[in-house]
Amino acid sequence: MVEECDSHEILKCILDNCGEAVIVVDAGALPQITDLGVRLHRLAGRVIITPHSGEMANLLGVQKEVVEADPTSAALSLTEKFGLVVIMKGSKTVVTAPEGMWRYEGGGVGLATSGSGDVLAGVVAGLAARGAKPVVAAIWGVFLHGEAGCQLSIKVGPLGFLAREIPDLVPKLMSEVR
């Protein structure tokens, strides 16, 4: 018999037992992450979150329009309060971390497709697993994800490609930027 899992309890357990690992938190695990303040402070700079404007609005307890009007401030507020590395997804993606703030303005509207954020989280987690520092994994993950979106928009069109097509382009992109 399979028991229901509470993502909040799972996340607490992961944060309490992660050792030196980098943790990437996306989607269903995001809604209550700010309730884990003490755990997050202990892991400052090693927990990466990837919210879109709706998820960020829920985390901050504000309207989505407030986040969309100033996504940089929204991201910075969680970095400053909890030490999180934040990838604030949007038409202009912002990465904030204890080390600073970066913007990526590429990618295109095609990346606003179901599953694309999951791919981004996977690329970031993969880079961190290969030894990249969390902020480096976040910045490079955003760049690689966005550039894959740019290439797909040229090949397929600005809309209509699938999230599952993004990962195939990442290794080639990585070899091109060496």
Protein backbone atom coordinates (compact mmCIF):
# COMPACT_ATOMS: atom_id res chain seq x y z
CA MET A 1 0.00 0.00 0.00
CA VAL A 2 1.33 3.43 -0.94
CA GLU A 3 0.95 6.20 1.59
CA GLU A 4 0.35 9.77 0.55
CA CYS A 5 3.45 11.91 0.78
CA ASP A 6 3.45 15.43 2.10
CA SER A 7 5.90 17.42 -0.02
CA HIS A 8 6.49 19.83 2.86
CA GLU A 9 7.55 16.99 5.18
CA ILE A 10 9.73 15.49 2.45
CA LEU A 11 11.41 18.86 1.86
CA LYS A 12 12.06 19.28 5.61
CA CYS A 13 13.65 15.84 5.71
CA ILE A 14 15.82 16.59 2.67
CA LEU A 15 16.98 19.92 4.06
CA ASP A 16 17.79 18.34 7.43
CA ASN A 17 19.79 15.50 5.89
CA CYS A 18 21.38 16.92 2.74
CA GLY A 19 24.91 17.26 4.07
CA GLU A 20 26.80 19.51 1.65
CA ALA A 21 24.47 18.85 -1.31
CA VAL A 22 22.84 21.58 -3.36
CA ILE A 23 19.04 21.42 -3.33
CA VAL A 24 16.89 22.58 -6.26
CA VAL A 25 13.26 23.22 -5.33
CA ASP A 26 10.57 23.64 -7.96
CA ALA A 27 6.82 23.36 -8.44
CA GLY A 28 4.93 21.41 -5.76
CA ALA A 29 7.67 21.79 -3.16
CA LEU A 30 7.70 25.60 -3.41
CA PRO A 31 4.46 26.70 -1.73
CA GLN A 32 5.63 26.38 1.88
CA ILE A 33 9.39 26.72 1.55
CA THR A 34 9.45 30.05 3.37
CA ASP A 35 7.99 28.26 6.44
CA LEU A 36 11.37 26.50 6.73
CA GLY A 37 13.32 29.65 7.61
CA VAL A 38 15.78 28.17 10.14
CA ARG A 39 16.62 25.29 7.83
CA LEU A 40 17.07 27.66 4.89
CA HIS A 41 19.41 29.98 6.82
CA ARG A 42 21.58 27.00 7.71
CA LEU A 43 21.88 26.18 4.00
CA ALA A 44 22.28 29.75 2.74
CA GLY A 45 23.46 29.84 -0.85
CA ARG A 46 22.85 26.09 -1.39
CA VAL A 47 19.08 26.03 -1.92
CA ILE A 48 17.97 27.08 -5.39
CA ILE A 49 14.31 27.85 -6.09
CA THR A 50 12.76 28.32 -9.54
CA PRO A 51 9.42 30.14 -9.19
CA HIS A 52 7.37 31.79 -11.91
CA SER A 53 5.44 34.95 -10.99
CA GLY A 54 2.41 33.09 -9.64
CA GLU A 55 4.50 30.88 -7.38
CA MET A 56 6.55 33.89 -6.22
CA ALA A 57 3.38 35.82 -5.42
CA ASN A 58 2.22 32.94 -3.21
CA LEU A 59 5.60 32.81 -1.44
CA LEU A 60 5.52 36.54 -0.73
CA GLY A 61 1.79 36.77 0.02
CA VAL A 62 1.23 39.40 -2.67
CA GLN A 63 -0.68 39.66 -5.92
CA LYS A 64 0.91 38.23 -9.07
CA GLU A 65 0.82 41.70 -10.63
CA VAL A 66 3.10 43.01 -7.87
CA VAL A 67 5.72 40.38 -8.72
CA GLU A 68 5.36 40.98 -12.46
CA ALA A 69 5.85 44.72 -11.94
CA ASP A 70 9.19 44.18 -10.18
CA PRO A 71 10.45 40.59 -10.39
CA THR A 72 13.96 41.60 -9.35
CA SER A 73 12.78 42.99 -6.01
CA ALA A 74 10.63 39.92 -5.44
CA ALA A 75 13.60 37.61 -6.02
CA LEU A 76 15.98 39.75 -3.97
CA SER A 77 13.58 39.74 -1.01
CA LEU A 78 13.82 35.93 -0.69
CA THR A 79 17.57 35.95 -1.23
CA GLU A 80 18.03 38.57 1.47
CA LYS A 81 15.60 36.99 3.93
CA PHE A 82 16.58 33.31 3.55
CA GLY A 83 19.87 33.18 1.62
CA LEU A 84 18.16 31.44 -1.30
CA VAL A 85 19.46 31.36 -4.85
CA VAL A 86 16.36 32.43 -6.77
CA ILE A 87 15.73 31.87 -10.45
CA MET A 88 12.78 34.20 -11.05
CA LYS A 89 11.45 32.83 -14.33
CA GLY A 90 9.85 35.13 -16.85
CA SER A 91 10.38 36.89 -20.15
CA LYS A 92 13.50 38.33 -18.52
CA THR A 93 14.78 35.78 -16.04
CA VAL A 94 16.50 37.11 -12.94
CA VAL A 95 18.92 35.12 -10.80
CA THR A 96 19.57 36.43 -7.31
CA ALA A 97 21.99 34.92 -4.82
CA PRO A 98 23.97 36.00 -1.79
CA GLU A 99 26.80 36.70 -4.28
CA GLY A 100 24.80 39.10 -6.47
CA MET A 101 22.17 39.43 -9.19
CA TRP A 102 22.14 38.50 -12.92
CA ARG A 103 19.64 38.84 -15.78
CA TYR A 104 19.04 36.73 -18.84
CA GLU A 105 16.87 38.28 -21.54
CA GLY A 106 16.86 35.49 -24.14
CA GLY A 107 14.90 32.31 -24.44
CA GLY A 108 11.64 33.38 -26.00
CA VAL A 109 7.96 32.76 -25.46
CA GLY A 110 8.20 29.10 -26.48
CA LEU A 111 9.76 28.32 -23.10
CA ALA A 112 6.44 29.17 -21.45
CA THR A 113 5.26 25.64 -22.18
CA SER A 114 4.27 22.89 -19.80
CA GLY A 115 7.33 21.07 -18.47
CA SER A 116 9.87 23.68 -19.51
CA GLY A 117 10.44 24.76 -15.90
CA ASP A 118 11.00 21.12 -14.96
CA VAL A 119 13.70 20.93 -17.61
CA LEU A 120 15.31 24.10 -16.24
CA ALA A 121 15.32 22.66 -12.72
CA GLY A 122 16.84 19.45 -14.07
CA VAL A 123 19.60 21.27 -15.96
CA VAL A 124 20.45 23.31 -12.85
CA ALA A 125 20.44 20.20 -10.65
CA GLY A 126 22.61 18.38 -13.19
CA LEU A 127 25.18 21.17 -13.25
CA ALA A 128 25.24 21.27 -9.44
CA ALA A 129 25.64 17.48 -9.34
CA ARG A 130 28.67 17.84 -11.62
CA GLY A 131 30.26 20.16 -9.05
CA ALA A 132 29.20 23.65 -10.12
CA LYS A 133 28.66 26.07 -7.25
CA PRO A 134 24.94 26.75 -6.75
CA VAL A 135 24.97 30.26 -8.19
CA VAL A 136 27.05 29.08 -11.16
CA ALA A 137 24.67 26.16 -11.76
CA ALA A 138 21.73 28.58 -11.63
CA ILE A 139 23.25 31.11 -14.05
CA TRP A 140 24.50 28.50 -16.51
CA GLY A 141 21.26 26.54 -16.25
CA VAL A 142 19.24 29.62 -17.14
CA PHE A 143 21.58 30.41 -20.04
CA LEU A 144 21.61 26.87 -21.46
CA HIS A 145 17.83 26.50 -21.09
CA GLY A 146 17.24 29.87 -22.73
CA GLU A 147 19.66 29.28 -25.59
CA ALA A 148 18.06 25.90 -26.26
CA GLY A 149 14.74 27.74 -26.45
CA CYS A 150 16.24 30.21 -28.93
CA GLN A 151 17.54 27.41 -31.13
CA LEU A 152 14.21 25.60 -31.05
CA SER A 153 12.34 28.78 -31.95
CA ILE A 154 14.50 29.08 -35.07
CA LYS A 155 14.06 25.41 -35.96
CA VAL A 156 10.39 24.91 -35.04
CA GLY A 157 9.01 28.41 -34.61
CA PRO A 158 8.57 30.65 -31.58
CA LEU A 159 5.71 28.49 -30.33
CA GLY A 160 5.01 24.83 -30.68
CA PHE A 161 8.11 23.06 -29.46
CA LEU A 162 7.87 20.70 -26.52
CA ALA A 163 9.76 20.75 -23.24
CA ARG A 164 11.16 17.30 -23.99
CA GLU A 165 13.03 18.80 -26.97
CA ILE A 166 15.07 21.18 -24.81
CA PRO A 167 17.49 18.76 -23.08
CA ASP A 168 18.83 17.34 -26.35
CA LEU A 169 20.36 20.73 -27.19
CA VAL A 170 22.13 21.29 -23.86
CA PRO A 171 25.28 19.15 -24.42
CA LYS A 172 26.02 20.83 -27.77
CA LEU A 173 25.48 24.27 -26.24
CA MET A 174 27.84 23.40 -23.39
CA SER A 175 30.56 22.36 -25.82
CA GLU A 176 30.12 25.54 -27.86
CA VAL A 177 30.70 27.88 -24.89
CA ARG A 178 33.84 26.22 -23.54
